[in-house]
Amino acid sequence: MLPELQLDDIIRLRKPHPCGSYEWRVVRLGADIGLECLVCGRRVLLSRRELAHRLKKVVLSNDASTRQS
């Protein structure tokens, strides 16, 4: 099951991107989840089901409660 994600969360996937990075930033939420590689800037779209299988952990969560206006 996919944990609650917010925009700008940093997540770690199980397998590395070809550039060598494991970490991605969440840039889009919806039926598909948009991710941006933190090393090369490549953007990909994954279905929620596919991301649930590939996700290892949420490295940095951008909770609304910690956000200051």
N, C-alpha and C. Protein backbone atom coordinates (compact mmCIF):
# COMPACT_ATOMS: atom_id res chain seq x y z
N MET A 1 0.84 -1.18 0.00
CA MET A 1 0.00 0.00 0.00
C MET A 1 0.88 1.25 0.00
N LEU A 2 0.48 2.23 -0.75
CA LEU A 2 1.24 3.47 -0.90
C LEU A 2 0.98 4.40 0.28
N PRO A 3 2.04 4.91 0.92
CA PRO A 3 1.83 5.86 2.02
C PRO A 3 1.32 7.20 1.49
N GLU A 4 0.81 8.01 2.38
CA GLU A 4 0.34 9.35 2.02
C GLU A 4 1.52 10.17 1.51
N LEU A 5 1.43 10.67 0.29
CA LEU A 5 2.50 11.48 -0.30
C LEU A 5 2.02 12.91 -0.47
N GLN A 6 2.95 13.85 -0.38
CA GLN A 6 2.69 15.27 -0.61
C GLN A 6 3.64 15.75 -1.70
N LEU A 7 3.31 16.88 -2.32
CA LEU A 7 4.23 17.47 -3.29
C LEU A 7 5.55 17.80 -2.60
N ASP A 8 6.63 17.64 -3.31
CA ASP A 8 8.00 17.92 -2.86
C ASP A 8 8.53 16.93 -1.82
N ASP A 9 7.82 15.82 -1.57
CA ASP A 9 8.39 14.75 -0.74
C ASP A 9 9.57 14.14 -1.49
N ILE A 10 10.57 13.68 -0.76
CA ILE A 10 11.70 12.97 -1.34
C ILE A 10 11.52 11.50 -1.01
N ILE A 11 11.54 10.64 -2.05
CA ILE A 11 11.35 9.21 -1.84
C ILE A 11 12.54 8.44 -2.38
N ARG A 12 12.74 7.24 -1.85
CA ARG A 12 13.81 6.35 -2.32
C ARG A 12 13.16 5.12 -2.93
N LEU A 13 13.60 4.78 -4.17
CA LEU A 13 13.08 3.61 -4.86
C LEU A 13 14.04 2.43 -4.68
N ARG A 14 13.55 1.23 -4.96
CA ARG A 14 14.34 0.01 -4.76
C ARG A 14 15.50 -0.12 -5.73
N LYS A 15 15.30 0.26 -6.99
CA LYS A 15 16.36 0.13 -7.99
C LYS A 15 16.83 1.52 -8.41
N PRO A 16 18.11 1.66 -8.74
CA PRO A 16 18.62 2.98 -9.13
C PRO A 16 18.19 3.37 -10.53
N HIS A 17 18.13 4.68 -10.76
CA HIS A 17 17.94 5.24 -12.08
C HIS A 17 19.26 5.02 -12.84
N PRO A 18 19.26 4.97 -14.16
CA PRO A 18 20.53 4.78 -14.89
C PRO A 18 21.62 5.80 -14.55
N CYS A 19 21.25 6.97 -14.05
CA CYS A 19 22.26 7.96 -13.66
C CYS A 19 22.91 7.61 -12.32
N GLY A 20 22.33 6.64 -11.59
CA GLY A 20 22.90 6.20 -10.32
C GLY A 20 22.14 6.65 -9.09
N SER A 21 21.14 7.50 -9.25
CA SER A 21 20.40 8.02 -8.11
C SER A 21 19.26 7.09 -7.70
N TYR A 22 19.04 6.99 -6.39
CA TYR A 22 17.90 6.24 -5.85
C TYR A 22 16.79 7.19 -5.41
N GLU A 23 17.08 8.48 -5.31
CA GLU A 23 16.13 9.42 -4.70
C GLU A 23 15.43 10.29 -5.74
N TRP A 24 14.14 10.51 -5.49
CA TRP A 24 13.27 11.24 -6.40
C TRP A 24 12.42 12.23 -5.61
N ARG A 25 12.00 13.32 -6.27
CA ARG A 25 11.09 14.31 -5.68
C ARG A 25 9.71 14.13 -6.32
N VAL A 26 8.66 14.17 -5.50
CA VAL A 26 7.29 14.06 -6.00
C VAL A 26 6.90 15.41 -6.58
N VAL A 27 6.54 15.44 -7.88
CA VAL A 27 6.18 16.70 -8.54
C VAL A 27 4.73 16.72 -9.02
N ARG A 28 4.04 15.58 -8.97
CA ARG A 28 2.64 15.53 -9.42
C ARG A 28 1.92 14.44 -8.65
N LEU A 29 0.71 14.75 -8.21
CA LEU A 29 -0.14 13.78 -7.52
C LEU A 29 -1.46 13.66 -8.27
N GLY A 30 -1.96 12.48 -8.37
CA GLY A 30 -3.21 12.21 -9.06
C GLY A 30 -3.34 10.71 -9.26
N ALA A 31 -3.97 10.30 -10.36
CA ALA A 31 -4.04 8.88 -10.67
C ALA A 31 -2.64 8.34 -10.90
N ASP A 32 -1.79 9.16 -11.51
CA ASP A 32 -0.38 8.84 -11.69
C ASP A 32 0.44 9.75 -10.79
N ILE A 33 1.61 9.28 -10.40
CA ILE A 33 2.51 10.07 -9.56
C ILE A 33 3.68 10.52 -10.43
N GLY A 34 3.93 11.83 -10.47
CA GLY A 34 5.07 12.36 -11.21
C GLY A 34 6.28 12.47 -10.31
N LEU A 35 7.42 11.98 -10.80
CA LEU A 35 8.66 12.00 -10.03
C LEU A 35 9.75 12.69 -10.84
N GLU A 36 10.66 13.38 -10.13
CA GLU A 36 11.81 14.02 -10.76
C GLU A 36 13.08 13.52 -10.08
N CYS A 37 14.02 13.00 -10.88
CA CYS A 37 15.28 12.49 -10.34
C CYS A 37 16.07 13.66 -9.74
N LEU A 38 16.64 13.45 -8.56
CA LEU A 38 17.38 14.52 -7.89
C LEU A 38 18.76 14.75 -8.48
N VAL A 39 19.30 13.79 -9.25
CA VAL A 39 20.64 13.96 -9.82
C VAL A 39 20.57 14.54 -11.23
N CYS A 40 19.80 13.91 -12.12
CA CYS A 40 19.81 14.34 -13.52
C CYS A 40 18.60 15.17 -13.92
N GLY A 41 17.55 15.22 -13.07
CA GLY A 41 16.38 16.04 -13.38
C GLY A 41 15.36 15.38 -14.28
N ARG A 42 15.56 14.13 -14.65
CA ARG A 42 14.63 13.41 -15.51
C ARG A 42 13.29 13.26 -14.79
N ARG A 43 12.19 13.43 -15.53
CA ARG A 43 10.85 13.28 -14.97
C ARG A 43 10.18 12.04 -15.53
N VAL A 44 9.51 11.30 -14.65
CA VAL A 44 8.78 10.10 -15.06
C VAL A 44 7.41 10.10 -14.39
N LEU A 45 6.46 9.39 -15.01
CA LEU A 45 5.13 9.19 -14.44
C LEU A 45 4.97 7.71 -14.12
N LEU A 46 4.57 7.40 -12.91
CA LEU A 46 4.31 6.02 -12.50
C LEU A 46 2.88 5.94 -11.96
N SER A 47 2.21 4.83 -12.25
CA SER A 47 0.89 4.62 -11.66
C SER A 47 1.08 4.41 -10.16
N ARG A 48 0.03 4.64 -9.40
CA ARG A 48 0.12 4.44 -7.94
C ARG A 48 0.49 3.00 -7.61
N ARG A 49 -0.05 2.06 -8.35
CA ARG A 49 0.25 0.64 -8.12
C ARG A 49 1.73 0.34 -8.38
N GLU A 50 2.26 0.85 -9.49
CA GLU A 50 3.67 0.61 -9.82
C GLU A 50 4.59 1.28 -8.79
N LEU A 51 4.25 2.48 -8.36
CA LEU A 51 5.07 3.16 -7.35
C LEU A 51 5.04 2.41 -6.02
N ALA A 52 3.89 1.85 -5.66
CA ALA A 52 3.79 1.08 -4.41
C ALA A 52 4.76 -0.10 -4.42
N HIS A 53 4.97 -0.72 -5.59
CA HIS A 53 5.90 -1.84 -5.70
C HIS A 53 7.36 -1.38 -5.67
N ARG A 54 7.64 -0.23 -6.27
CA ARG A 54 9.02 0.25 -6.39
C ARG A 54 9.52 1.04 -5.19
N LEU A 55 8.61 1.56 -4.38
CA LEU A 55 8.97 2.43 -3.26
C LEU A 55 9.67 1.67 -2.14
N LYS A 56 10.80 2.20 -1.69
CA LYS A 56 11.50 1.62 -0.55
C LYS A 56 11.14 2.38 0.72
N LYS A 57 11.27 3.74 0.68
CA LYS A 57 10.87 4.54 1.84
C LYS A 57 10.73 6.00 1.45
N VAL A 58 10.02 6.75 2.31
CA VAL A 58 9.92 8.20 2.16
C VAL A 58 11.06 8.79 2.98
N VAL A 59 12.00 9.45 2.29
CA VAL A 59 13.19 9.99 2.95
C VAL A 59 12.87 11.28 3.68
N LEU A 60 12.17 12.19 3.01
CA LEU A 60 11.85 13.49 3.59
C LEU A 60 10.40 13.81 3.25
N SER A 61 9.58 13.94 4.28
CA SER A 61 8.17 14.23 4.07
C SER A 61 7.91 15.72 4.24
N ASN A 62 7.11 16.26 3.36
CA ASN A 62 6.77 17.68 3.38
C ASN A 62 5.35 17.82 3.91
N ASP A 63 5.13 17.48 5.19
CA ASP A 63 3.80 17.52 5.80
C ASP A 63 3.27 18.94 5.86
N ALA A 64 1.96 19.08 5.73
CA ALA A 64 1.33 20.40 5.83
C ALA A 64 1.49 20.97 7.23
N SER A 65 1.59 20.11 8.24
CA SER A 65 1.73 20.58 9.62
C SER A 65 3.10 21.21 9.87
N THR A 66 4.11 20.83 9.10
CA THR A 66 5.45 21.40 9.29
C THR A 66 5.69 22.60 8.39
N ARG A 67 4.79 22.82 7.44
CA ARG A 67 4.94 23.94 6.52
C ARG A 67 4.54 25.24 7.19
N GLN A 68 5.32 26.28 7.03
CA GLN A 68 5.02 27.59 7.61
C GLN A 68 4.53 28.52 6.52
N SER A 69 3.46 29.28 6.78
CA SER A 69 2.91 30.20 5.79
C SER A 69 3.56 31.55 5.92
